[in-house]
Amino acid sequence: MKAADAEASETAQVYAFLTLLVGNARDRAEEFLDGNANATVNQLVAELKATFENELTGKLKEAQFAKCRQERGESIEMYFNRVRILAAQAFRSGM
């Protein structure tokens, strides 16, 4: 969403996000919101990821994380960012 939308209320952000969804994703989002009226966009995204990402995707990300090595000529900052992103994708429990 645009930076200007960052100032919108959380409810407005949720409804703006809903306009981007179609099909099963839209249906699942509406079901989630029916039971969680005060949900944030981040909570909604997390729910959709949990619903639509399969176990194989998680295993693939874990394998990529385990094999992650600093490449020749890669700065420590770039390597750190790459590892951090892979870790967040592989181990979603609070990163």
N, C-alpha and C. Protein backbone atom coordinates (compact mmCIF):
# COMPACT_ATOMS: atom_id res chain seq x y z
N MET A 1 0.84 -1.18 0.00
CA MET A 1 0.00 0.00 0.00
C MET A 1 0.89 1.24 0.00
N LYS A 2 0.34 2.33 -0.43
CA LYS A 2 1.10 3.57 -0.54
C LYS A 2 1.47 4.11 0.83
N ALA A 3 2.53 4.90 0.88
CA ALA A 3 2.98 5.50 2.13
C ALA A 3 1.89 6.40 2.71
N ALA A 4 1.11 7.04 1.87
CA ALA A 4 0.04 7.92 2.35
C ALA A 4 -1.00 7.13 3.13
N ASP A 5 -1.17 5.85 2.78
CA ASP A 5 -2.14 5.01 3.47
C ASP A 5 -1.71 4.68 4.89
N ALA A 6 -0.44 4.89 5.21
CA ALA A 6 0.07 4.57 6.54
C ALA A 6 -0.63 5.40 7.62
N GLU A 7 -1.14 6.56 7.24
CA GLU A 7 -1.82 7.41 8.21
C GLU A 7 -3.30 7.06 8.34
N ALA A 8 -3.81 6.20 7.49
CA ALA A 8 -5.22 5.80 7.55
C ALA A 8 -5.45 4.95 8.78
N SER A 9 -6.69 4.90 9.23
CA SER A 9 -7.00 4.07 10.39
C SER A 9 -6.75 2.61 10.06
N GLU A 10 -6.55 1.81 11.08
CA GLU A 10 -6.30 0.38 10.87
C GLU A 10 -7.45 -0.28 10.12
N THR A 11 -8.67 0.10 10.45
CA THR A 11 -9.84 -0.46 9.77
C THR A 11 -9.82 -0.10 8.30
N ALA A 12 -9.50 1.14 7.98
CA ALA A 12 -9.43 1.57 6.58
C ALA A 12 -8.33 0.81 5.84
N GLN A 13 -7.22 0.55 6.51
CA GLN A 13 -6.13 -0.21 5.90
C GLN A 13 -6.57 -1.64 5.62
N VAL A 14 -7.31 -2.25 6.54
CA VAL A 14 -7.80 -3.61 6.35
C VAL A 14 -8.73 -3.65 5.13
N TYR A 15 -9.65 -2.72 5.05
CA TYR A 15 -10.59 -2.71 3.92
C TYR A 15 -9.88 -2.40 2.60
N ALA A 16 -8.87 -1.56 2.64
CA ALA A 16 -8.10 -1.28 1.43
C ALA A 16 -7.35 -2.55 0.98
N PHE A 17 -6.81 -3.29 1.95
CA PHE A 17 -6.13 -4.55 1.63
C PHE A 17 -7.10 -5.56 1.03
N LEU A 18 -8.32 -5.60 1.55
CA LEU A 18 -9.32 -6.54 1.04
C LEU A 18 -9.60 -6.31 -0.44
N THR A 19 -9.50 -5.07 -0.89
CA THR A 19 -9.78 -4.78 -2.30
C THR A 19 -8.75 -5.42 -3.22
N LEU A 20 -7.61 -5.81 -2.68
CA LEU A 20 -6.56 -6.44 -3.48
C LEU A 20 -6.74 -7.95 -3.60
N LEU A 21 -7.59 -8.52 -2.78
CA LEU A 21 -7.75 -9.97 -2.73
C LEU A 21 -8.88 -10.46 -3.63
N VAL A 22 -8.71 -11.65 -4.17
CA VAL A 22 -9.74 -12.28 -4.99
C VAL A 22 -9.85 -13.76 -4.62
N GLY A 23 -10.93 -14.37 -5.03
CA GLY A 23 -11.11 -15.81 -4.90
C GLY A 23 -11.03 -16.33 -3.49
N ASN A 24 -10.32 -17.44 -3.32
CA ASN A 24 -10.21 -18.09 -2.02
C ASN A 24 -9.55 -17.19 -0.97
N ALA A 25 -8.59 -16.39 -1.40
CA ALA A 25 -7.92 -15.49 -0.46
C ALA A 25 -8.92 -14.47 0.10
N ARG A 26 -9.75 -13.93 -0.74
CA ARG A 26 -10.76 -12.97 -0.29
C ARG A 26 -11.75 -13.64 0.65
N ASP A 27 -12.22 -14.85 0.27
CA ASP A 27 -13.16 -15.58 1.11
C ASP A 27 -12.57 -15.87 2.48
N ARG A 28 -11.31 -16.33 2.51
CA ARG A 28 -10.67 -16.66 3.79
C ARG A 28 -10.47 -15.41 4.62
N ALA A 29 -10.11 -14.31 4.00
CA ALA A 29 -9.92 -13.06 4.73
C ALA A 29 -11.24 -12.60 5.36
N GLU A 30 -12.33 -12.69 4.62
CA GLU A 30 -13.62 -12.28 5.16
C GLU A 30 -14.06 -13.19 6.31
N GLU A 31 -13.80 -14.49 6.19
CA GLU A 31 -14.12 -15.42 7.29
C GLU A 31 -13.32 -15.05 8.53
N PHE A 32 -12.03 -14.77 8.35
CA PHE A 32 -11.18 -14.39 9.47
C PHE A 32 -11.68 -13.11 10.13
N LEU A 33 -12.05 -12.13 9.31
CA LEU A 33 -12.51 -10.85 9.85
C LEU A 33 -13.87 -10.97 10.54
N ASP A 34 -14.69 -11.93 10.12
CA ASP A 34 -15.97 -12.14 10.80
C ASP A 34 -15.76 -12.52 12.25
N GLY A 35 -14.73 -13.28 12.52
CA GLY A 35 -14.45 -13.69 13.89
C GLY A 35 -13.48 -12.79 14.61
N ASN A 36 -12.84 -11.88 13.90
CA ASN A 36 -11.82 -10.99 14.46
C ASN A 36 -12.03 -9.58 13.93
N ALA A 37 -13.07 -8.95 14.36
CA ALA A 37 -13.47 -7.66 13.81
C ALA A 37 -12.40 -6.57 13.97
N ASN A 38 -11.58 -6.67 14.99
CA ASN A 38 -10.56 -5.65 15.25
C ASN A 38 -9.18 -6.05 14.75
N ALA A 39 -9.11 -7.00 13.83
CA ALA A 39 -7.82 -7.49 13.33
C ALA A 39 -7.09 -6.40 12.56
N THR A 40 -5.77 -6.44 12.64
CA THR A 40 -4.94 -5.50 11.89
C THR A 40 -4.57 -6.13 10.55
N VAL A 41 -4.01 -5.32 9.67
CA VAL A 41 -3.56 -5.82 8.37
C VAL A 41 -2.49 -6.89 8.58
N ASN A 42 -1.59 -6.67 9.53
CA ASN A 42 -0.53 -7.65 9.79
C ASN A 42 -1.11 -8.97 10.27
N GLN A 43 -2.12 -8.94 11.10
CA GLN A 43 -2.76 -10.17 11.57
C GLN A 43 -3.45 -10.88 10.41
N LEU A 44 -4.09 -10.11 9.55
CA LEU A 44 -4.77 -10.68 8.40
C LEU A 44 -3.77 -11.33 7.44
N VAL A 45 -2.68 -10.66 7.19
CA VAL A 45 -1.64 -11.22 6.32
C VAL A 45 -1.07 -12.50 6.93
N ALA A 46 -0.82 -12.49 8.23
CA ALA A 46 -0.30 -13.69 8.90
C ALA A 46 -1.28 -14.85 8.78
N GLU A 47 -2.56 -14.58 8.92
CA GLU A 47 -3.59 -15.61 8.79
C GLU A 47 -3.62 -16.18 7.37
N LEU A 48 -3.53 -15.31 6.39
CA LEU A 48 -3.54 -15.77 5.00
C LEU A 48 -2.29 -16.59 4.68
N LYS A 49 -1.16 -16.17 5.20
CA LYS A 49 0.07 -16.94 4.99
C LYS A 49 -0.05 -18.31 5.63
N ALA A 50 -0.58 -18.34 6.85
CA ALA A 50 -0.73 -19.62 7.54
C ALA A 50 -1.70 -20.54 6.80
N THR A 51 -2.69 -19.96 6.17
CA THR A 51 -3.69 -20.75 5.44
C THR A 51 -3.14 -21.27 4.12
N PHE A 52 -2.42 -20.45 3.39
CA PHE A 52 -2.05 -20.79 2.03
C PHE A 52 -0.63 -21.28 1.82
N GLU A 53 0.27 -21.06 2.77
CA GLU A 53 1.61 -21.60 2.63
C GLU A 53 1.59 -23.04 3.12
N ASN A 54 2.12 -23.94 2.33
CA ASN A 54 2.09 -25.33 2.74
C ASN A 54 3.37 -25.72 3.47
N GLU A 55 3.36 -26.91 4.02
CA GLU A 55 4.49 -27.40 4.79
C GLU A 55 5.75 -27.50 3.94
N LEU A 56 5.59 -27.86 2.68
CA LEU A 56 6.73 -27.99 1.79
C LEU A 56 7.45 -26.65 1.62
N THR A 57 6.71 -25.57 1.55
CA THR A 57 7.31 -24.24 1.43
C THR A 57 8.18 -23.95 2.64
N GLY A 58 7.67 -24.27 3.83
CA GLY A 58 8.44 -24.06 5.06
C GLY A 58 9.71 -24.89 5.08
N LYS A 59 9.62 -26.14 4.64
CA LYS A 59 10.79 -27.02 4.61
C LYS A 59 11.83 -26.50 3.61
N LEU A 60 11.36 -26.00 2.48
CA LEU A 60 12.26 -25.43 1.48
C LEU A 60 13.00 -24.22 2.05
N LYS A 61 12.29 -23.35 2.73
CA LYS A 61 12.91 -22.17 3.32
C LYS A 61 13.92 -22.57 4.41
N GLU A 62 13.59 -23.59 5.20
CA GLU A 62 14.52 -24.07 6.22
C GLU A 62 15.79 -24.61 5.57
N ALA A 63 15.65 -25.34 4.47
CA ALA A 63 16.81 -25.88 3.77
C ALA A 63 17.67 -24.75 3.20
N GLN A 64 17.03 -23.73 2.64
CA GLN A 64 17.77 -22.58 2.12
C GLN A 64 18.51 -21.87 3.24
N PHE A 65 17.87 -21.75 4.40
CA PHE A 65 18.50 -21.10 5.56
C PHE A 65 19.72 -21.90 6.01
N ALA A 66 19.58 -23.22 6.07
CA ALA A 66 20.68 -24.08 6.52
C ALA A 66 21.89 -24.00 5.58
N LYS A 67 21.65 -23.79 4.29
CA LYS A 67 22.73 -23.75 3.31
C LYS A 67 23.29 -22.34 3.09
N CYS A 68 22.72 -21.37 3.74
CA CYS A 68 23.09 -19.98 3.51
C CYS A 68 24.52 -19.71 4.00
N ARG A 69 25.35 -19.23 3.10
CA ARG A 69 26.73 -18.88 3.39
C ARG A 69 27.03 -17.52 2.78
N GLN A 70 27.97 -16.82 3.40
CA GLN A 70 28.37 -15.53 2.86
C GLN A 70 29.11 -15.76 1.55
N GLU A 71 28.70 -15.04 0.53
CA GLU A 71 29.31 -15.17 -0.78
C GLU A 71 30.57 -14.31 -0.87
N ARG A 72 31.47 -14.73 -1.72
CA ARG A 72 32.72 -13.98 -1.91
C ARG A 72 32.38 -12.56 -2.37
N GLY A 73 32.93 -11.59 -1.69
CA GLY A 73 32.71 -10.19 -2.04
C GLY A 73 31.43 -9.59 -1.47
N GLU A 74 30.63 -10.40 -0.80
CA GLU A 74 29.37 -9.91 -0.22
C GLU A 74 29.68 -9.23 1.11
N SER A 75 29.14 -8.04 1.31
CA SER A 75 29.38 -7.33 2.56
C SER A 75 28.66 -8.05 3.71
N ILE A 76 29.15 -7.85 4.90
CA ILE A 76 28.54 -8.49 6.07
C ILE A 76 27.11 -7.99 6.27
N GLU A 77 26.87 -6.73 5.93
CA GLU A 77 25.52 -6.17 6.05
C GLU A 77 24.54 -6.84 5.09
N MET A 78 24.97 -7.04 3.84
CA MET A 78 24.10 -7.70 2.87
C MET A 78 23.86 -9.16 3.28
N TYR A 79 24.91 -9.82 3.75
CA TYR A 79 24.78 -11.21 4.20
C TYR A 79 23.83 -11.29 5.39
N PHE A 80 23.97 -10.39 6.35
CA PHE A 80 23.10 -10.35 7.52
C PHE A 80 21.64 -10.19 7.10
N ASN A 81 21.39 -9.26 6.19
CA ASN A 81 20.01 -9.03 5.74
C ASN A 81 19.44 -10.26 5.04
N ARG A 82 20.26 -10.92 4.24
CA ARG A 82 19.81 -12.14 3.56
C ARG A 82 19.48 -13.25 4.57
N VAL A 83 20.34 -13.43 5.56
CA VAL A 83 20.12 -14.44 6.59
C VAL A 83 18.89 -14.10 7.42
N ARG A 84 18.74 -12.85 7.76
CA ARG A 84 17.59 -12.42 8.57
C ARG A 84 16.27 -12.70 7.84
N ILE A 85 16.21 -12.40 6.56
CA ILE A 85 15.00 -12.63 5.77
C ILE A 85 14.71 -14.13 5.65
N LEU A 86 15.74 -14.92 5.37
CA LEU A 86 15.54 -16.37 5.29
C LEU A 86 15.08 -16.94 6.62
N ALA A 87 15.66 -16.48 7.71
CA ALA A 87 15.27 -16.97 9.03
C ALA A 87 13.81 -16.62 9.32
N ALA A 88 13.40 -15.41 8.98
CA ALA A 88 12.02 -15.00 9.22
C ALA A 88 11.05 -15.84 8.39
N GLN A 89 11.44 -16.19 7.18
CA GLN A 89 10.58 -17.01 6.33
C GLN A 89 10.55 -18.46 6.81
N ALA A 90 11.69 -18.96 7.27
CA ALA A 90 11.78 -20.36 7.67
C ALA A 90 11.15 -20.61 9.04
N PHE A 91 11.31 -19.67 9.93
CA PHE A 91 10.85 -19.84 11.31
C PHE A 91 9.94 -18.69 11.68
N ARG A 92 8.73 -18.72 11.22
CA ARG A 92 7.77 -17.62 11.37
C ARG A 92 7.33 -17.35 12.81
N SER A 93 7.75 -18.11 13.73
CA SER A 93 7.25 -17.99 15.11
C SER A 93 7.84 -16.79 15.84
N GLY A 94 7.57 -15.60 15.32
CA GLY A 94 7.90 -14.40 16.08
C GLY A 94 9.10 -13.61 15.58
N MET A 95 9.66 -13.95 14.45
CA MET A 95 10.76 -13.13 13.94
C MET A 95 10.20 -12.00 13.14
